[in-house]
Amino acid sequence: MPHPKRRHSAMRRDKRRAHDFITAPQLTTCSHCGAAILTHRVCPECGYYRDKQAIEIKGANA
C-alpha cells in the first residue's frame, strides 16, 4: 500500500474540508394552511402553491 511522502499542511486539509458541510433545508410556512414546507414546492398538507390549488389532497380540511 502506498504511503504519503510528505505531510499535508493544515491549510491544504482545511481547504479540502471547506465543502464538507450540511445545510439545513429552507423551510417556510404555507400561506394557506400554515404548515412548514420547502420553498418553491406545493404544500403537501393542503395542495396549494402561491395561493392557488395545484393538486387535490384527499381528506384535506383546508
PDB file of N, CA and C in Angstrom:
ATOM      1  N   MET A   1       0.834  -1.187   0.000  1.00  0.00           N
ATOM      2  CA  MET A   1       0.000   0.000   0.000  1.00  0.00           C
ATOM      3  C   MET A   1       0.880   1.251   0.000  1.00  0.00           C
ATOM      4  N   PRO A   2       0.550   2.215  -0.828  1.00  0.00           N
ATOM      5  CA  PRO A   2       1.352   3.440  -0.866  1.00  0.00           C
ATOM      6  C   PRO A   2       1.086   4.320   0.357  1.00  0.00           C
ATOM      7  N   HIS A   3       2.104   5.044   0.753  1.00  0.00           N
ATOM      8  CA  HIS A   3       2.003   5.960   1.872  1.00  0.00           C
ATOM      9  C   HIS A   3       2.408   7.342   1.388  1.00  0.00           C
ATOM     10  N   PRO A   4       1.861   8.388   2.018  1.00  0.00           N
ATOM     11  CA  PRO A   4       2.248   9.735   1.606  1.00  0.00           C
ATOM     12  C   PRO A   4       3.714  10.028   1.931  1.00  0.00           C
ATOM     13  N   LYS A   5       4.396  10.678   0.987  1.00  0.00           N
ATOM     14  CA  LYS A   5       5.802  11.017   1.217  1.00  0.00           C
ATOM     15  C   LYS A   5       5.936  12.229   2.127  1.00  0.00           C
ATOM     16  N   ARG A   6       5.029  13.186   1.963  1.00  0.00           N
ATOM     17  CA  ARG A   6       5.097  14.414   2.743  1.00  0.00           C
ATOM     18  C   ARG A   6       3.764  14.628   3.463  1.00  0.00           C
ATOM     19  N   ARG A   7       3.859  15.288   4.578  1.00  0.00           N
ATOM     20  CA  ARG A   7       2.668  15.608   5.350  1.00  0.00           C
ATOM     21  C   ARG A   7       1.944  16.779   4.687  1.00  0.00           C
ATOM     22  N   HIS A   8       0.614  16.674   4.579  1.00  0.00           N
ATOM     23  CA  HIS A   8      -0.162  17.789   4.037  1.00  0.00           C
ATOM     24  C   HIS A   8      -0.355  18.836   5.128  1.00  0.00           C
ATOM     25  N   SER A   9      -0.286  20.080   4.740  1.00  0.00           N
ATOM     26  CA  SER A   9      -0.416  21.160   5.707  1.00  0.00           C
ATOM     27  C   SER A   9      -1.868  21.284   6.170  1.00  0.00           C
ATOM     28  N   ALA A  10      -2.039  21.993   7.280  1.00  0.00           N
ATOM     29  CA  ALA A  10      -3.383  22.207   7.820  1.00  0.00           C
ATOM     30  C   ALA A  10      -4.222  23.039   6.859  1.00  0.00           C
ATOM     31  N   MET A  11      -3.596  23.991   6.157  1.00  0.00           N
ATOM     32  CA  MET A  11      -4.332  24.809   5.202  1.00  0.00           C
ATOM     33  C   MET A  11      -4.878  23.949   4.061  1.00  0.00           C
ATOM     34  N   ARG A  12      -4.055  23.060   3.572  1.00  0.00           N
ATOM     35  CA  ARG A  12      -4.496  22.186   2.486  1.00  0.00           C
ATOM     36  C   ARG A  12      -5.633  21.275   2.947  1.00  0.00           C
ATOM     37  N   ARG A  13      -5.514  20.761   4.169  1.00  0.00           N
ATOM     38  CA  ARG A  13      -6.569  19.925   4.740  1.00  0.00           C
ATOM     39  C   ARG A  13      -7.870  20.714   4.891  1.00  0.00           C
ATOM     40  N   ASP A  14      -7.777  21.933   5.418  1.00  0.00           N
ATOM     41  CA  ASP A  14      -8.959  22.744   5.658  1.00  0.00           C
ATOM     42  C   ASP A  14      -9.624  23.196   4.363  1.00  0.00           C
ATOM     43  N   LYS A  15      -8.830  23.470   3.328  1.00  0.00           N
ATOM     44  CA  LYS A  15      -9.411  23.829   2.035  1.00  0.00           C
ATOM     45  C   LYS A  15     -10.202  22.667   1.451  1.00  0.00           C
ATOM     46  N   ARG A  16      -9.705  21.457   1.645  1.00  0.00           N
ATOM     47  CA  ARG A  16     -10.413  20.283   1.159  1.00  0.00           C
ATOM     48  C   ARG A  16     -11.727  20.091   1.922  1.00  0.00           C
ATOM     49  N   ARG A  17     -11.716  20.373   3.204  1.00  0.00           N
ATOM     50  CA  ARG A  17     -12.896  20.174   4.046  1.00  0.00           C
ATOM     51  C   ARG A  17     -13.891  21.328   3.976  1.00  0.00           C
ATOM     52  N   ALA A  18     -13.591  22.371   3.243  1.00  0.00           N
ATOM     53  CA  ALA A  18     -14.449  23.555   3.199  1.00  0.00           C
ATOM     54  C   ALA A  18     -15.830  23.251   2.640  1.00  0.00           C
ATOM     55  N   HIS A  19     -15.950  22.217   1.820  1.00  0.00           N
ATOM     56  CA  HIS A  19     -17.228  21.901   1.192  1.00  0.00           C
ATOM     57  C   HIS A  19     -17.926  20.727   1.857  1.00  0.00           C
ATOM     58  N   ASP A  20     -17.398  20.240   2.966  1.00  0.00           N
ATOM     59  CA  ASP A  20     -17.964  19.067   3.632  1.00  0.00           C
ATOM     60  C   ASP A  20     -18.949  19.444   4.730  1.00  0.00           C
ATOM     61  N   PHE A  21     -19.830  20.356   4.469  1.00  0.00           N
ATOM     62  CA  PHE A  21     -20.804  20.742   5.474  1.00  0.00           C
ATOM     63  C   PHE A  21     -22.210  20.454   4.958  1.00  0.00           C
ATOM     64  N   ILE A  22     -23.144  20.363   5.859  1.00  0.00           N
ATOM     65  CA  ILE A  22     -24.536  20.074   5.509  1.00  0.00           C
ATOM     66  C   ILE A  22     -25.356  21.321   5.791  1.00  0.00           C
ATOM     67  N   THR A  23     -26.144  21.749   4.816  1.00  0.00           N
ATOM     68  CA  THR A  23     -27.003  22.910   5.010  1.00  0.00           C
ATOM     69  C   THR A  23     -28.388  22.449   5.440  1.00  0.00           C
ATOM     70  N   ALA A  24     -28.999  23.212   6.298  1.00  0.00           N
ATOM     71  CA  ALA A  24     -30.355  22.901   6.752  1.00  0.00           C
ATOM     72  C   ALA A  24     -31.349  23.244   5.648  1.00  0.00           C
ATOM     73  N   PRO A  25     -32.437  22.501   5.514  1.00  0.00           N
ATOM     74  CA  PRO A  25     -33.418  22.816   4.482  1.00  0.00           C
ATOM     75  C   PRO A  25     -34.098  24.152   4.761  1.00  0.00           C
ATOM     76  N   GLN A  26     -34.377  24.893   3.689  1.00  0.00           N
ATOM     77  CA  GLN A  26     -35.007  26.201   3.807  1.00  0.00           C
ATOM     78  C   GLN A  26     -36.518  26.020   3.918  1.00  0.00           C
ATOM     79  N   LEU A  27     -37.039  26.112   5.132  1.00  0.00           N
ATOM     80  CA  LEU A  27     -38.463  25.920   5.366  1.00  0.00           C
ATOM     81  C   LEU A  27     -39.165  27.262   5.482  1.00  0.00           C
ATOM     82  N   THR A  28     -40.369  27.323   4.931  1.00  0.00           N
ATOM     83  CA  THR A  28     -41.244  28.473   5.093  1.00  0.00           C
ATOM     84  C   THR A  28     -42.594  27.961   5.554  1.00  0.00           C
ATOM     85  N   THR A  29     -43.516  28.859   5.810  1.00  0.00           N
ATOM     86  CA  THR A  29     -44.860  28.446   6.200  1.00  0.00           C
ATOM     87  C   THR A  29     -45.801  28.624   5.025  1.00  0.00           C
ATOM     88  N   CYS A  30     -46.716  27.699   4.888  1.00  0.00           N
ATOM     89  CA  CYS A  30     -47.720  27.766   3.827  1.00  0.00           C
ATOM     90  C   CYS A  30     -48.648  28.936   4.116  1.00  0.00           C
ATOM     91  N   SER A  31     -48.906  29.761   3.124  1.00  0.00           N
ATOM     92  CA  SER A  31     -49.774  30.922   3.327  1.00  0.00           C
ATOM     93  C   SER A  31     -51.237  30.522   3.455  1.00  0.00           C
ATOM     94  N   HIS A  32     -51.567  29.302   3.055  1.00  0.00           N
ATOM     95  CA  HIS A  32     -52.961  28.854   3.096  1.00  0.00           C
ATOM     96  C   HIS A  32     -53.288  28.122   4.392  1.00  0.00           C
ATOM     97  N   CYS A  33     -52.423  27.178   4.807  1.00  0.00           N
ATOM     98  CA  CYS A  33     -52.736  26.378   5.999  1.00  0.00           C
ATOM     99  C   CYS A  33     -51.744  26.576   7.139  1.00  0.00           C
ATOM    100  N   GLY A  34     -50.592  27.185   6.885  1.00  0.00           N
ATOM    101  CA  GLY A  34     -49.624  27.452   7.938  1.00  0.00           C
ATOM    102  C   GLY A  34     -48.648  26.327   8.216  1.00  0.00           C
ATOM    103  N   ALA A  35     -48.663  25.273   7.416  1.00  0.00           N
ATOM    104  CA  ALA A  35     -47.743  24.153   7.615  1.00  0.00           C
ATOM    105  C   ALA A  35     -46.340  24.532   7.151  1.00  0.00           C
ATOM    106  N   ALA A  36     -45.339  23.880   7.713  1.00  0.00           N
ATOM    107  CA  ALA A  36     -43.951  24.104   7.303  1.00  0.00           C
ATOM    108  C   ALA A  36     -43.697  23.349   6.006  1.00  0.00           C
ATOM    109  N   ILE A  37     -43.227  24.070   4.973  1.00  0.00           N
ATOM    110  CA  ILE A  37     -42.998  23.460   3.659  1.00  0.00           C
ATOM    111  C   ILE A  37     -41.652  23.916   3.117  1.00  0.00           C
ATOM    112  N   LEU A  38     -41.119  23.179   2.157  1.00  0.00           N
ATOM    113  CA  LEU A  38     -39.925  23.601   1.444  1.00  0.00           C
ATOM    114  C   LEU A  38     -40.296  24.717   0.474  1.00  0.00           C
ATOM    115  N   THR A  39     -39.373  25.638   0.226  1.00  0.00           N
ATOM    116  CA  THR A  39     -39.656  26.748  -0.672  1.00  0.00           C
ATOM    117  C   THR A  39     -39.835  26.256  -2.103  1.00  0.00           C
ATOM    118  N   HIS A  40     -40.662  26.919  -2.859  1.00  0.00           N
ATOM    119  CA  HIS A  40     -40.950  26.640  -4.260  1.00  0.00           C
ATOM    120  C   HIS A  40     -41.522  25.241  -4.465  1.00  0.00           C
ATOM    121  N   ARG A  41     -42.285  24.743  -3.499  1.00  0.00           N
ATOM    122  CA  ARG A  41     -42.906  23.431  -3.598  1.00  0.00           C
ATOM    123  C   ARG A  41     -44.385  23.552  -3.252  1.00  0.00           C
ATOM    124  N   VAL A  42     -45.172  22.618  -3.749  1.00  0.00           N
ATOM    125  CA  VAL A  42     -46.586  22.546  -3.387  1.00  0.00           C
ATOM    126  C   VAL A  42     -46.676  22.063  -1.946  1.00  0.00           C
ATOM    127  N   CYS A  43     -47.588  22.626  -1.181  1.00  0.00           N
ATOM    128  CA  CYS A  43     -47.777  22.220   0.210  1.00  0.00           C
ATOM    129  C   CYS A  43     -48.347  20.803   0.242  1.00  0.00           C
ATOM    130  N   PRO A  44     -47.686  19.872   0.930  1.00  0.00           N
ATOM    131  CA  PRO A  44     -48.210  18.504   0.981  1.00  0.00           C
ATOM    132  C   PRO A  44     -49.442  18.365   1.860  1.00  0.00           C
ATOM    133  N   GLU A  45     -49.717  19.361   2.699  1.00  0.00           N
ATOM    134  CA  GLU A  45     -50.871  19.290   3.598  1.00  0.00           C
ATOM    135  C   GLU A  45     -52.162  19.723   2.915  1.00  0.00           C
ATOM    136  N   CYS A  46     -52.113  20.839   2.165  1.00  0.00           N
ATOM    137  CA  CYS A  46     -53.348  21.354   1.566  1.00  0.00           C
ATOM    138  C   CYS A  46     -53.323  21.359   0.042  1.00  0.00           C
ATOM    139  N   GLY A  47     -52.152  21.201  -0.584  1.00  0.00           N
ATOM    140  CA  GLY A  47     -52.070  21.141  -2.038  1.00  0.00           C
ATOM    141  C   GLY A  47     -52.019  22.493  -2.723  1.00  0.00           C
ATOM    142  N   TYR A  48     -51.798  23.568  -1.963  1.00  0.00           N
ATOM    143  CA  TYR A  48     -51.766  24.907  -2.548  1.00  0.00           C
ATOM    144  C   TYR A  48     -50.332  25.329  -2.840  1.00  0.00           C
ATOM    145  N   TYR A  49     -50.172  26.131  -3.895  1.00  0.00           N
ATOM    146  CA  TYR A  49     -48.892  26.750  -4.235  1.00  0.00           C
ATOM    147  C   TYR A  49     -49.186  28.153  -4.721  1.00  0.00           C
ATOM    148  N   ARG A  50     -48.617  29.141  -4.067  1.00  0.00           N
ATOM    149  CA  ARG A  50     -48.806  30.562  -4.394  1.00  0.00           C
ATOM    150  C   ARG A  50     -50.287  30.921  -4.441  1.00  0.00           C
ATOM    151  N   ASP A  51     -50.999  30.555  -3.395  1.00  0.00           N
ATOM    152  CA  ASP A  51     -52.422  30.872  -3.198  1.00  0.00           C
ATOM    153  C   ASP A  51     -53.338  30.309  -4.270  1.00  0.00           C
ATOM    154  N   LYS A  52     -52.901  29.274  -4.963  1.00  0.00           N
ATOM    155  CA  LYS A  52     -53.748  28.578  -5.929  1.00  0.00           C
ATOM    156  C   LYS A  52     -53.638  27.088  -5.659  1.00  0.00           C
ATOM    157  N   GLN A  53     -54.757  26.374  -5.811  1.00  0.00           N
ATOM    158  CA  GLN A  53     -54.729  24.940  -5.572  1.00  0.00           C
ATOM    159  C   GLN A  53     -54.062  24.252  -6.752  1.00  0.00           C
ATOM    160  N   ALA A  54     -52.934  23.605  -6.483  1.00  0.00           N
ATOM    161  CA  ALA A  54     -52.168  22.941  -7.532  1.00  0.00           C
ATOM    162  C   ALA A  54     -52.561  21.477  -7.653  1.00  0.00           C
ATOM    163  N   ILE A  55     -52.723  20.807  -6.521  1.00  0.00           N
ATOM    164  CA  ILE A  55     -53.147  19.410  -6.510  1.00  0.00           C
ATOM    165  C   ILE A  55     -54.234  19.241  -5.460  1.00  0.00           C
ATOM    166  N   GLU A  56     -55.037  18.222  -5.640  1.00  0.00           N
ATOM    167  CA  GLU A  56     -56.104  17.963  -4.680  1.00  0.00           C
ATOM    168  C   GLU A  56     -55.635  16.880  -3.715  1.00  0.00           C
ATOM    169  N   ILE A  57     -55.712  17.205  -2.435  1.00  0.00           N
ATOM    170  CA  ILE A  57     -55.316  16.275  -1.384  1.00  0.00           C
ATOM    171  C   ILE A  57     -56.579  15.657  -0.808  1.00  0.00           C
ATOM    172  N   LYS A  58     -56.616  14.324  -0.759  1.00  0.00           N
ATOM    173  CA  LYS A  58     -57.784  13.648  -0.194  1.00  0.00           C
ATOM    174  C   LYS A  58     -57.781  13.816   1.314  1.00  0.00           C
ATOM    175  N   GLY A  59     -58.923  14.210   1.862  1.00  0.00           N
ATOM    176  CA  GLY A  59     -59.058  14.361   3.306  1.00  0.00           C
ATOM    177  C   GLY A  59     -58.490  15.653   3.854  1.00  0.00           C
ATOM    178  N   ALA A  60     -58.193  16.615   3.019  1.00  0.00           N
ATOM    179  CA  ALA A  60     -57.661  17.898   3.494  1.00  0.00           C
ATOM    180  C   ALA A  60     -58.794  18.727   4.065  1.00  0.00           C
ATOM    181  N   ASN A  61     -58.558  19.296   5.246  1.00  0.00           N
ATOM    182  CA  ASN A  61     -59.578  20.109   5.907  1.00  0.00           C
ATOM    183  C   ASN A  61     -59.415  21.588   5.592  1.00  0.00           C
ATOM    184  N   ALA A  62     -58.495  21.944   4.774  1.00  0.00           N
ATOM    185  CA  ALA A  62     -58.199  23.353   4.493  1.00  0.00           C
ATOM    186  C   ALA A  62     -59.127  23.957   3.493  1.00  0.00           C
TER     187      ALA A  62
END
